[in-house]
Amino acid sequence: MADLIKREHTMKSDSPDTADALEAFDDFLMQMDSQLAALERDAGGRGIALDLSPTSLAQVERYFDLASANPPVNVDRDSLIIICGRYIGEVVRIAFGGQWKLALDDPDDVNFNMPVIVGHAKSDVEFSPIMVMRAYALRHKPGTIARAVAADVDFTPPRLDDTLED
């Protein structure tokens, strides 16, 4: 698990080699099931049931709070964020459709070279579960993850023509 996490940390760089980035992303996807199984086992050992449903997002926050205070062996805080981000992404993918994609289209995009979920919302948006998990890790505000998912899935772009003056 430690080798994969190191590769995931290198996925986010300013100027990735596309072939290396895609290889790291393929590894990210290939390890998804084993990473989620390890997460679910560790959470279960802490009395937290994770079932990949939208209602389990609050449990991911609870798990992160406990695991960041007493982390699993060989898992640092950044790795824990990535592992929990994987879980959040899979919840969105399974519950709302869509697929994982490596955002490589626009180097100026905030999600550039990050794994995102696309095709899950009525609008053309990218959902970055790792960034959502990082946001939760900063403040530990309950409900952050569920609110971020709901806002992204039901995203409606603002109508700019309503703000124009005649």
C-alpha atoms as a PDB file:
ATOM      1  CA  MET A   1       0.000   0.000   0.000  1.00  0.00           C
ATOM      2  CA  ALA A   2       2.852   2.413   0.794  1.00  0.00           C
ATOM      3  CA  ASP A   3       4.324   2.197  -2.764  1.00  0.00           C
ATOM      4  CA  LEU A   4       0.972   2.977  -4.369  1.00  0.00           C
ATOM      5  CA  ILE A   5       0.403   5.913  -2.041  1.00  0.00           C
ATOM      6  CA  LYS A   6       3.808   7.352  -2.999  1.00  0.00           C
ATOM      7  CA  ARG A   7       2.810   7.092  -6.687  1.00  0.00           C
ATOM      8  CA  GLU A   8      -0.505   8.803  -5.954  1.00  0.00           C
ATOM      9  CA  HIS A   9       1.314  11.679  -4.263  1.00  0.00           C
ATOM     10  CA  THR A  10       3.428  12.128  -7.409  1.00  0.00           C
ATOM     11  CA  MET A  11       0.317  12.180  -9.630  1.00  0.00           C
ATOM     12  CA  LYS A  12      -0.229  15.810  -8.594  1.00  0.00           C
ATOM     13  CA  SER A  13       2.635  17.837 -10.043  1.00  0.00           C
ATOM     14  CA  ASP A  14       2.943  21.028 -12.042  1.00  0.00           C
ATOM     15  CA  SER A  15       4.177  19.487 -15.266  1.00  0.00           C
ATOM     16  CA  PRO A  16       3.637  15.756 -15.350  1.00  0.00           C
ATOM     17  CA  ASP A  17       4.879  13.503 -18.043  1.00  0.00           C
ATOM     18  CA  THR A  18       1.559  12.366 -19.537  1.00  0.00           C
ATOM     19  CA  ALA A  19       2.611   8.727 -19.856  1.00  0.00           C
ATOM     20  CA  ASP A  20       3.802   8.637 -16.217  1.00  0.00           C
ATOM     21  CA  ALA A  21       0.638  10.373 -15.043  1.00  0.00           C
ATOM     22  CA  LEU A  22      -1.582   7.912 -16.917  1.00  0.00           C
ATOM     23  CA  GLU A  23       0.425   4.972 -15.552  1.00  0.00           C
ATOM     24  CA  ALA A  24       0.036   6.281 -11.984  1.00  0.00           C
ATOM     25  CA  PHE A  25      -3.688   6.772 -12.643  1.00  0.00           C
ATOM     26  CA  ASP A  26      -3.999   3.199 -13.955  1.00  0.00           C
ATOM     27  CA  ASP A  27      -2.329   1.995 -10.749  1.00  0.00           C
ATOM     28  CA  PHE A  28      -4.768   4.153  -8.760  1.00  0.00           C
ATOM     29  CA  LEU A  29      -7.700   2.405 -10.469  1.00  0.00           C
ATOM     30  CA  MET A  30      -6.198  -1.098 -10.294  1.00  0.00           C
ATOM     31  CA  GLN A  31      -5.711  -0.807  -6.539  1.00  0.00           C
ATOM     32  CA  MET A  32      -9.185   0.618  -5.865  1.00  0.00           C
ATOM     33  CA  ASP A  33     -10.800  -2.602  -4.605  1.00  0.00           C
ATOM     34  CA  SER A  34      -7.930  -3.578  -2.314  1.00  0.00           C
ATOM     35  CA  GLN A  35      -7.629  -0.051  -0.897  1.00  0.00           C
ATOM     36  CA  LEU A  36     -11.368   0.133  -0.208  1.00  0.00           C
ATOM     37  CA  ALA A  37     -11.364  -3.331   1.367  1.00  0.00           C
ATOM     38  CA  ALA A  38      -8.494  -2.294   3.673  1.00  0.00           C
ATOM     39  CA  LEU A  39     -10.367   0.897   4.580  1.00  0.00           C
ATOM     40  CA  GLU A  40     -13.587  -0.984   5.313  1.00  0.00           C
ATOM     41  CA  ARG A  41     -11.693  -3.540   7.458  1.00  0.00           C
ATOM     42  CA  ASP A  42      -9.930  -0.854   9.460  1.00  0.00           C
ATOM     43  CA  ALA A  43     -13.151   1.127   9.881  1.00  0.00           C
ATOM     44  CA  GLY A  44     -14.979  -2.040  10.978  1.00  0.00           C
ATOM     45  CA  GLY A  45     -12.285  -2.647  13.580  1.00  0.00           C
ATOM     46  CA  ARG A  46     -13.054   0.800  14.938  1.00  0.00           C
ATOM     47  CA  GLY A  47     -16.795   0.070  15.057  1.00  0.00           C
ATOM     48  CA  ILE A  48     -17.640   2.019  11.888  1.00  0.00           C
ATOM     49  CA  ALA A  49     -19.593   0.373   9.072  1.00  0.00           C
ATOM     50  CA  LEU A  50     -18.894   1.661   5.557  1.00  0.00           C
ATOM     51  CA  ASP A  51     -21.232   0.400   2.811  1.00  0.00           C
ATOM     52  CA  LEU A  52     -20.478   2.719  -0.158  1.00  0.00           C
ATOM     53  CA  SER A  53     -23.845   4.455   0.202  1.00  0.00           C
ATOM     54  CA  PRO A  54     -24.369   8.228   0.336  1.00  0.00           C
ATOM     55  CA  THR A  55     -25.567   7.852   3.923  1.00  0.00           C
ATOM     56  CA  SER A  56     -22.134   6.485   4.873  1.00  0.00           C
ATOM     57  CA  LEU A  57     -20.386   9.793   4.105  1.00  0.00           C
ATOM     58  CA  ALA A  58     -20.824  10.953   7.712  1.00  0.00           C
ATOM     59  CA  GLN A  59     -19.175   7.711   8.789  1.00  0.00           C
ATOM     60  CA  VAL A  60     -16.153   8.508   6.620  1.00  0.00           C
ATOM     61  CA  GLU A  61     -15.757  11.749   8.557  1.00  0.00           C
ATOM     62  CA  ARG A  62     -16.008   9.845  11.835  1.00  0.00           C
ATOM     63  CA  TYR A  63     -13.489   7.278  10.614  1.00  0.00           C
ATOM     64  CA  PHE A  64     -11.054   9.970   9.468  1.00  0.00           C
ATOM     65  CA  ASP A  65     -11.228  11.708  12.838  1.00  0.00           C
ATOM     66  CA  LEU A  66     -10.440   8.464  14.674  1.00  0.00           C
ATOM     67  CA  ALA A  67      -7.843   7.220  12.193  1.00  0.00           C
ATOM     68  CA  SER A  68      -5.977  10.512  11.993  1.00  0.00           C
ATOM     69  CA  ALA A  69      -5.546  10.400  15.782  1.00  0.00           C
ATOM     70  CA  ASN A  70      -4.477   6.732  15.679  1.00  0.00           C
ATOM     71  CA  PRO A  71      -3.562   5.856  12.073  1.00  0.00           C
ATOM     72  CA  PRO A  72      -3.296   2.367  10.590  1.00  0.00           C
ATOM     73  CA  VAL A  73       0.242   1.006  10.280  1.00  0.00           C
ATOM     74  CA  ASN A  74       2.300   2.634   7.495  1.00  0.00           C
ATOM     75  CA  VAL A  75      -0.400   5.212   6.690  1.00  0.00           C
ATOM     76  CA  ASP A  76       0.383   8.907   7.164  1.00  0.00           C
ATOM     77  CA  ARG A  77      -2.178  11.732   7.157  1.00  0.00           C
ATOM     78  CA  ASP A  78      -1.826  12.488   3.423  1.00  0.00           C
ATOM     79  CA  SER A  79      -2.267   8.809   2.598  1.00  0.00           C
ATOM     80  CA  LEU A  80      -5.335   8.644   4.824  1.00  0.00           C
ATOM     81  CA  ILE A  81      -6.811  11.604   2.928  1.00  0.00           C
ATOM     82  CA  ILE A  82      -6.235   9.829  -0.402  1.00  0.00           C
ATOM     83  CA  ILE A  83      -7.715   6.551   0.857  1.00  0.00           C
ATOM     84  CA  CYS A  84     -10.826   8.289   2.201  1.00  0.00           C
ATOM     85  CA  GLY A  85     -11.025  10.341  -1.014  1.00  0.00           C
ATOM     86  CA  ARG A  86     -11.112   7.090  -2.993  1.00  0.00           C
ATOM     87  CA  TYR A  87     -14.061   5.970  -0.882  1.00  0.00           C
ATOM     88  CA  ILE A  88     -15.944   9.248  -1.422  1.00  0.00           C
ATOM     89  CA  GLY A  89     -15.331   9.019  -5.177  1.00  0.00           C
ATOM     90  CA  GLU A  90     -16.656   5.480  -5.306  1.00  0.00           C
ATOM     91  CA  VAL A  91     -19.771   6.507  -3.358  1.00  0.00           C
ATOM     92  CA  VAL A  92     -20.449   9.217  -5.957  1.00  0.00           C
ATOM     93  CA  ARG A  93     -19.657   6.923  -8.900  1.00  0.00           C
ATOM     94  CA  ILE A  94     -21.887   4.111  -7.644  1.00  0.00           C
ATOM     95  CA  ALA A  95     -24.794   6.236  -6.387  1.00  0.00           C
ATOM     96  CA  PHE A  96     -24.938   8.824  -9.166  1.00  0.00           C
ATOM     97  CA  GLY A  97     -23.172   7.229 -12.110  1.00  0.00           C
ATOM     98  CA  GLY A  98     -20.112   8.539 -13.830  1.00  0.00           C
ATOM     99  CA  GLN A  99     -16.554   7.330 -13.998  1.00  0.00           C
ATOM    100  CA  TRP A 100     -13.066   8.103 -12.777  1.00  0.00           C
ATOM    101  CA  LYS A 101     -10.961  10.293 -15.070  1.00  0.00           C
ATOM    102  CA  LEU A 102      -7.522  11.825 -14.769  1.00  0.00           C
ATOM    103  CA  ALA A 103      -7.952  15.562 -15.366  1.00  0.00           C
ATOM    104  CA  LEU A 104      -5.256  16.378 -17.913  1.00  0.00           C
ATOM    105  CA  ASP A 105      -7.138  18.683 -20.303  1.00  0.00           C
ATOM    106  CA  ASP A 106      -6.244  22.071 -18.828  1.00  0.00           C
ATOM    107  CA  PRO A 107      -3.002  22.716 -16.906  1.00  0.00           C
ATOM    108  CA  ASP A 108      -4.639  25.791 -15.323  1.00  0.00           C
ATOM    109  CA  ASP A 109      -7.549  23.740 -13.922  1.00  0.00           C
ATOM    110  CA  VAL A 110      -7.527  23.349 -10.136  1.00  0.00           C
ATOM    111  CA  ASN A 111      -8.060  19.601 -10.665  1.00  0.00           C
ATOM    112  CA  PHE A 112      -5.237  19.226 -13.189  1.00  0.00           C
ATOM    113  CA  ASN A 113      -3.530  15.833 -12.889  1.00  0.00           C
ATOM    114  CA  MET A 114      -5.943  14.694 -10.174  1.00  0.00           C
ATOM    115  CA  PRO A 115      -8.352  11.745 -10.278  1.00  0.00           C
ATOM    116  CA  VAL A 116     -11.892  13.099 -10.593  1.00  0.00           C
ATOM    117  CA  ILE A 117     -15.383  11.733 -11.180  1.00  0.00           C
ATOM    118  CA  VAL A 118     -17.181  12.883 -14.342  1.00  0.00           C
ATOM    119  CA  GLY A 119     -20.600  12.106 -15.818  1.00  0.00           C
ATOM    120  CA  HIS A 120     -22.350  12.003 -12.434  1.00  0.00           C
ATOM    121  CA  ALA A 121     -24.256  15.288 -12.590  1.00  0.00           C
ATOM    122  CA  LYS A 122     -26.667  17.010 -14.939  1.00  0.00           C
ATOM    123  CA  SER A 123     -23.994  19.661 -15.594  1.00  0.00           C
ATOM    124  CA  ASP A 124     -20.554  19.019 -17.036  1.00  0.00           C
ATOM    125  CA  VAL A 125     -18.570  19.191 -13.781  1.00  0.00           C
ATOM    126  CA  GLU A 126     -15.639  17.321 -12.296  1.00  0.00           C
ATOM    127  CA  PHE A 127     -15.911  16.062  -8.740  1.00  0.00           C
ATOM    128  CA  SER A 128     -12.585  15.874  -6.915  1.00  0.00           C
ATOM    129  CA  PRO A 129     -13.105  13.579  -3.928  1.00  0.00           C
ATOM    130  CA  ILE A 130      -9.512  13.912  -2.734  1.00  0.00           C
ATOM    131  CA  MET A 131      -9.860  17.706  -2.619  1.00  0.00           C
ATOM    132  CA  VAL A 132     -13.145  17.334  -0.726  1.00  0.00           C
ATOM    133  CA  MET A 133     -11.412  15.069   1.772  1.00  0.00           C
ATOM    134  CA  ARG A 134      -8.585  17.585   2.147  1.00  0.00           C
ATOM    135  CA  ALA A 135     -11.165  20.278   2.871  1.00  0.00           C
ATOM    136  CA  TYR A 136     -12.665  18.095   5.603  1.00  0.00           C
ATOM    137  CA  ALA A 137      -9.208  17.334   7.026  1.00  0.00           C
ATOM    138  CA  LEU A 138      -8.508  21.057   7.456  1.00  0.00           C
ATOM    139  CA  ARG A 139     -11.522  21.892   9.604  1.00  0.00           C
ATOM    140  CA  HIS A 140     -13.185  18.612  10.657  1.00  0.00           C
ATOM    141  CA  LYS A 141     -16.598  20.261  10.254  1.00  0.00           C
ATOM    142  CA  PRO A 142     -19.308  17.570  10.360  1.00  0.00           C
ATOM    143  CA  GLY A 143     -21.358  17.295   7.180  1.00  0.00           C
ATOM    144  CA  THR A 144     -18.672  18.797   4.922  1.00  0.00           C
ATOM    145  CA  ILE A 145     -18.398  15.736   2.689  1.00  0.00           C
ATOM    146  CA  ALA A 146     -22.141  15.187   2.251  1.00  0.00           C
ATOM    147  CA  ARG A 147     -22.666  18.895   1.496  1.00  0.00           C
ATOM    148  CA  ALA A 148     -19.873  18.861  -1.096  1.00  0.00           C
ATOM    149  CA  VAL A 149     -21.312  15.780  -2.787  1.00  0.00           C
ATOM    150  CA  ALA A 150     -24.852  17.221  -2.811  1.00  0.00           C
ATOM    151  CA  ALA A 151     -23.643  20.560  -4.198  1.00  0.00           C
ATOM    152  CA  ASP A 152     -21.704  18.844  -6.971  1.00  0.00           C
ATOM    153  CA  VAL A 153     -24.339  16.308  -7.967  1.00  0.00           C
ATOM    154  CA  ASP A 154     -27.092  18.971  -8.053  1.00  0.00           C
ATOM    155  CA  PHE A 155     -24.839  21.704  -9.420  1.00  0.00           C
ATOM    156  CA  THR A 156     -26.645  24.386 -11.387  1.00  0.00           C
ATOM    157  CA  PRO A 157     -24.464  26.982 -13.069  1.00  0.00           C
ATOM    158  CA  PRO A 158     -25.387  30.540 -12.165  1.00  0.00           C
ATOM    159  CA  ARG A 159     -27.405  32.462 -14.719  1.00  0.00           C
ATOM    160  CA  LEU A 160     -25.215  35.411 -15.548  1.00  0.00           C
ATOM    161  CA  ASP A 161     -27.842  37.033 -17.748  1.00  0.00           C
ATOM    162  CA  ASP A 162     -29.874  37.717 -14.583  1.00  0.00           C
ATOM    163  CA  THR A 163     -27.115  40.018 -13.370  1.00  0.00           C
ATOM    164  CA  LEU A 164     -26.787  42.087 -16.546  1.00  0.00           C
ATOM    165  CA  GLU A 165     -28.239  45.558 -16.633  1.00  0.00           C
ATOM    166  CA  ASP A 166     -30.321  46.736 -19.572  1.00  0.00           C
END
